[in-house]
Amino acid sequence: MRFWWFMFACDMLIPFLMIACGRMLWKHPPGSANMVYGYRTKRSMRNADTWRFAQEYCGRLWWKIGWIMLGLSALVHLPFYRSSQETIGWFGAALCTVQCVVMVVSVLPTESALKKKFPDNDRRV
């Protein structure tokens, strides 16, 4: 049972980080484009407007996705409470992988929104 609690805590880390980082990017974005902190892609770092828009958009997206993943991850862990350590371990690893994929794939809607908002030469639509 201790292993289940350990894996449960580990699998809650990514959703909690997405919620916290998303809130931070959304409400307190970095002031200017930098290579240390923030949503950093070639398109988002073109100018101050694209930078600000990307931070807020990605932040809101991560915040929403984080809450959804937190609830779903907690719910899908419950049936494995009395399972073997091997089963819990494999399930925890699979869940963590899915969470990482969701986090990385969130780049696609952000880049799409940037492309729609700033279609050519960074002029806002």
Protein backbone atom coordinates (compact mmCIF):
# COMPACT_ATOMS: atom_id res chain seq x y z
CA MET A 1 0.00 0.00 0.00
CA ARG A 2 2.88 2.38 0.64
CA PHE A 3 4.07 1.89 -2.91
CA TRP A 4 0.63 2.84 -4.21
CA TRP A 5 0.78 6.10 -2.22
CA PHE A 6 4.29 6.76 -3.51
CA MET A 7 3.21 6.25 -7.15
CA PHE A 8 0.08 8.29 -6.55
CA ALA A 9 2.21 11.20 -5.32
CA CYS A 10 4.62 10.83 -8.24
CA ASP A 11 1.78 10.81 -10.76
CA MET A 12 0.28 13.95 -9.24
CA LEU A 13 3.52 15.92 -9.74
CA ILE A 14 3.07 16.70 -13.44
CA PRO A 15 -0.53 17.95 -13.08
CA PHE A 16 0.44 20.06 -10.03
CA LEU A 17 3.42 21.52 -11.91
CA MET A 18 1.25 22.29 -14.93
CA ILE A 19 -1.27 24.07 -12.69
CA ALA A 20 1.41 26.08 -10.87
CA CYS A 21 3.52 26.93 -13.93
CA GLY A 22 0.42 27.64 -16.01
CA ARG A 23 -0.89 30.05 -13.40
CA MET A 24 2.51 31.73 -13.21
CA LEU A 25 2.80 32.12 -17.01
CA TRP A 26 -0.79 33.31 -17.29
CA LYS A 27 -0.86 35.82 -14.43
CA HIS A 28 2.83 36.74 -14.07
CA PRO A 29 4.51 36.20 -17.45
CA PRO A 30 8.19 37.03 -17.89
CA GLY A 31 8.57 40.63 -19.00
CA SER A 32 10.68 40.02 -22.06
CA ALA A 33 11.80 37.15 -24.26
CA ASN A 34 14.58 35.18 -22.61
CA MET A 35 16.20 31.78 -22.87
CA VAL A 36 15.60 30.77 -19.25
CA TYR A 37 11.93 30.99 -18.32
CA GLY A 38 8.66 30.95 -20.25
CA TYR A 39 7.12 29.45 -23.36
CA ARG A 40 10.05 29.69 -25.77
CA THR A 41 9.67 28.89 -29.44
CA LYS A 42 10.92 30.71 -32.52
CA ARG A 43 7.43 32.09 -33.21
CA SER A 44 6.80 33.20 -29.62
CA MET A 45 10.11 35.04 -29.34
CA ARG A 46 9.70 37.22 -32.47
CA ASN A 47 8.61 40.35 -30.62
CA ALA A 48 7.04 41.57 -27.38
CA ASP A 49 3.44 41.05 -28.59
CA THR A 50 3.98 37.44 -29.67
CA TRP A 51 5.91 36.76 -26.45
CA ARG A 52 3.16 38.14 -24.20
CA PHE A 53 0.39 36.38 -26.13
CA ALA A 54 2.22 33.01 -26.08
CA GLN A 55 2.88 33.20 -22.33
CA GLU A 56 -0.73 33.98 -21.48
CA TYR A 57 -2.20 31.46 -23.93
CA CYS A 58 0.08 28.60 -22.90
CA GLY A 59 -0.37 29.48 -19.23
CA ARG A 60 -4.16 29.33 -19.44
CA LEU A 61 -3.96 26.10 -21.44
CA TRP A 62 -1.61 24.42 -18.94
CA TRP A 63 -3.73 25.60 -16.02
CA LYS A 64 -6.90 24.06 -17.51
CA ILE A 65 -5.20 20.85 -18.67
CA GLY A 66 -3.46 20.50 -15.30
CA TRP A 67 -6.75 20.51 -13.40
CA ILE A 68 -8.30 18.01 -15.81
CA MET A 69 -5.27 15.70 -15.60
CA LEU A 70 -5.18 15.98 -11.81
CA GLY A 71 -8.77 14.76 -11.49
CA LEU A 72 -8.46 12.04 -14.10
CA SER A 73 -5.13 10.80 -12.74
CA ALA A 74 -6.55 10.54 -9.22
CA LEU A 75 -9.63 8.69 -10.47
CA VAL A 76 -7.76 6.15 -12.56
CA HIS A 77 -5.38 5.38 -9.69
CA LEU A 78 -8.16 4.23 -7.36
CA PRO A 79 -8.84 0.80 -8.96
CA PHE A 80 -5.16 -0.14 -8.49
CA TYR A 81 -5.11 0.46 -4.72
CA ARG A 82 -4.74 -3.21 -3.72
CA SER A 83 -2.83 -4.34 -6.82
CA SER A 84 0.66 -5.80 -6.86
CA GLN A 85 3.69 -3.51 -6.85
CA GLU A 86 4.55 -4.57 -10.37
CA THR A 87 1.08 -3.65 -11.67
CA ILE A 88 1.11 -0.32 -9.82
CA GLY A 89 4.60 0.44 -11.14
CA TRP A 90 3.73 -0.28 -14.76
CA PHE A 91 0.49 1.65 -14.51
CA GLY A 92 2.24 4.60 -12.86
CA ALA A 93 4.90 4.68 -15.56
CA ALA A 94 2.27 4.54 -18.31
CA LEU A 95 0.25 7.32 -16.70
CA CYS A 96 3.34 9.49 -16.31
CA THR A 97 4.18 8.93 -19.98
CA VAL A 98 0.68 9.95 -21.05
CA GLN A 99 0.90 13.08 -18.87
CA CYS A 100 4.25 14.05 -20.43
CA VAL A 101 2.87 13.53 -23.94
CA VAL A 102 -0.15 15.74 -23.14
CA MET A 103 2.15 18.43 -21.74
CA VAL A 104 4.37 18.40 -24.85
CA VAL A 105 1.44 18.24 -27.28
CA SER A 106 0.05 21.43 -25.72
CA VAL A 107 2.63 23.24 -27.86
CA LEU A 108 0.49 22.55 -30.95
CA PRO A 109 -2.59 24.61 -29.99
CA THR A 110 -0.36 27.41 -28.70
CA GLU A 111 1.58 27.58 -31.96
CA SER A 112 -1.67 27.40 -33.92
CA ALA A 113 -3.12 30.31 -31.92
CA LEU A 114 0.07 32.31 -32.48
CA LYS A 115 -0.14 31.63 -36.23
CA LYS A 116 -3.79 32.76 -36.35
CA LYS A 117 -3.19 35.88 -34.25
CA PHE A 118 0.05 36.88 -36.01
CA PRO A 119 -0.22 35.39 -39.52
CA ASP A 120 2.42 37.39 -41.39
CA ASN A 121 5.32 39.49 -40.23
CA ASP A 122 4.03 39.50 -36.66
CA ARG A 123 1.15 41.87 -37.38
CA ARG A 124 -1.76 41.19 -35.11
CA VAL A 125 -5.09 40.26 -36.73
